[in-house]
């Protein structure tokens, strides 16, 4: 299974509690085991979670085992990143990206 150090795995069952009910802004990676670009993002997300965990929660959701949430947010491509603040999606980003670019996009969304 695709494991990311520092990023919590969420499911359809606990998405509402872990993401929508979170006190911090949340970066959700919609991912799949077969997705090579998703695997490339693993170290980037792990570092982000380790460095910014005090102000940003980083989680991932496997779309193959948790299709309801992916469908609810109309996620069609992997990886897709959604930023949630106070239970609402405030930013969407599709595709793998360097850590520096991801950080810049999170800063633009006022979560870093």
Protein backbone atom coordinates (compact mmCIF):
# COMPACT_ATOMS: atom_id res chain seq x y z
CA UNK A 1 0.00 0.00 0.00
CA UNK A 2 1.13 3.56 -0.73
CA UNK A 3 2.13 4.92 2.69
CA UNK A 4 3.14 8.52 3.29
CA UNK A 5 5.00 9.30 6.49
CA UNK A 6 3.36 12.24 8.19
CA UNK A 7 0.11 12.10 6.20
CA UNK A 8 -2.93 10.48 7.79
CA UNK A 9 -5.03 8.09 5.73
CA UNK A 10 -8.73 8.92 5.74
CA UNK A 11 -11.72 6.95 4.45
CA UNK A 12 -15.27 7.61 3.33
CA UNK A 13 -16.32 6.62 6.86
CA UNK A 14 -14.17 9.16 8.73
CA UNK A 15 -13.81 11.92 6.11
CA UNK A 16 -16.40 14.15 7.76
CA UNK A 17 -14.76 13.88 11.17
CA UNK A 18 -11.12 14.03 10.02
CA UNK A 19 -11.44 16.67 7.27
CA UNK A 20 -14.69 18.60 7.46
CA UNK A 21 -14.58 18.79 11.26
CA UNK A 22 -10.86 19.57 11.57
CA UNK A 23 -9.70 22.58 13.56
CA UNK A 24 -6.87 23.25 11.08
CA UNK A 25 -7.02 23.73 7.32
CA UNK A 26 -6.68 20.32 5.62
CA UNK A 27 -4.84 19.31 2.45
CA UNK A 28 -6.42 16.14 1.04
CA UNK A 29 -4.61 14.12 -1.61
CA UNK A 30 -6.99 11.93 -3.60
CA UNK A 31 -4.71 9.06 -4.57
CA UNK A 32 -4.56 5.47 -5.82
CA UNK A 33 -2.01 2.67 -5.47
CA UNK A 34 -1.68 2.40 -9.28
CA UNK A 35 -0.93 6.14 -9.67
CA UNK A 36 2.81 6.75 -10.26
CA UNK A 37 2.57 10.57 -9.87
CA UNK A 38 0.79 9.97 -6.55
CA UNK A 39 3.73 7.89 -5.35
CA UNK A 40 6.08 10.71 -6.40
CA UNK A 41 4.12 13.06 -4.12
CA UNK A 42 4.62 10.82 -1.08
CA UNK A 43 7.90 12.36 0.13
CA UNK A 44 6.66 15.90 -0.65
CA UNK A 45 3.50 15.40 1.42
CA UNK A 46 5.42 13.68 4.20
CA UNK A 47 7.81 16.62 4.48
CA UNK A 48 4.95 19.10 4.36
CA UNK A 49 3.09 17.25 7.11
CA UNK A 50 6.21 17.07 9.27
CA UNK A 51 7.13 20.74 8.79
CA UNK A 52 3.69 22.36 8.81
CA UNK A 53 1.63 19.99 10.96
CA UNK A 54 1.06 22.71 13.53
CA UNK A 55 -0.96 24.78 11.03
CA UNK A 56 -1.99 22.35 8.27
CA UNK A 57 -3.35 18.81 8.46
CA UNK A 58 -2.20 16.60 5.56
CA UNK A 59 -4.28 13.54 4.70
CA UNK A 60 -4.76 11.19 1.79
CA UNK A 61 -7.74 9.24 0.55
CA UNK A 62 -7.49 6.16 -1.68
CA UNK A 63 -10.15 6.64 -4.36
CA UNK A 64 -10.35 2.94 -5.20
CA UNK A 65 -11.34 1.91 -1.68
CA UNK A 66 -13.23 5.15 -0.89
CA UNK A 67 -15.19 6.06 -4.03
CA UNK A 68 -18.01 7.97 -2.31
CA UNK A 69 -15.90 10.93 -1.22
CA UNK A 70 -14.09 11.11 -4.57
CA UNK A 71 -17.46 11.11 -6.35
CA UNK A 72 -18.92 13.74 -4.00
CA UNK A 73 -16.08 16.16 -4.85
CA UNK A 74 -16.02 15.17 -8.55
CA UNK A 75 -12.43 13.95 -8.42
CA UNK A 76 -11.57 12.40 -11.78
CA UNK A 77 -7.76 12.60 -12.02
CA UNK A 78 -5.05 11.41 -9.65
CA UNK A 79 -3.52 13.00 -7.80
CA UNK A 80 -6.05 15.71 -7.02
CA UNK A 81 -5.43 17.95 -4.03
CA UNK A 82 -8.26 19.75 -2.27
CA UNK A 83 -7.70 22.28 0.48
CA UNK A 84 -10.48 22.48 3.06
CA UNK A 85 -10.97 25.29 5.53
CA UNK A 86 -13.80 25.13 8.09
CA UNK A 87 -15.34 22.19 6.24
CA UNK A 88 -15.41 23.87 2.82
CA UNK A 89 -13.15 23.20 -0.19
CA UNK A 90 -11.26 26.43 -0.91
CA UNK A 91 -8.66 25.29 -3.45
CA UNK A 92 -8.30 22.47 -5.98
CA UNK A 93 -5.06 21.39 -7.66
CA UNK A 94 -4.69 18.53 -10.12
CA UNK A 95 -1.47 16.66 -10.88
CA UNK A 96 1.88 16.07 -9.24
CA UNK A 97 3.96 19.15 -8.51
CA UNK A 98 7.26 20.03 -6.86
CA UNK A 99 7.13 20.79 -3.15
CA UNK A 100 8.03 24.43 -3.75
CA UNK A 101 5.07 24.90 -6.10
CA UNK A 102 2.69 23.10 -3.72
CA UNK A 103 3.81 25.37 -0.87
CA UNK A 104 3.30 28.47 -3.04
CA UNK A 105 -0.23 27.33 -3.91
CA UNK A 106 -0.99 26.69 -0.24
CA UNK A 107 0.33 30.14 0.63
CA UNK A 108 -1.94 31.62 -2.08
CA UNK A 109 -4.86 29.81 -0.44
CA UNK A 110 -3.88 31.40 2.92
CA UNK A 111 -3.25 28.10 4.68
CA UNK A 112 0.53 28.52 5.08
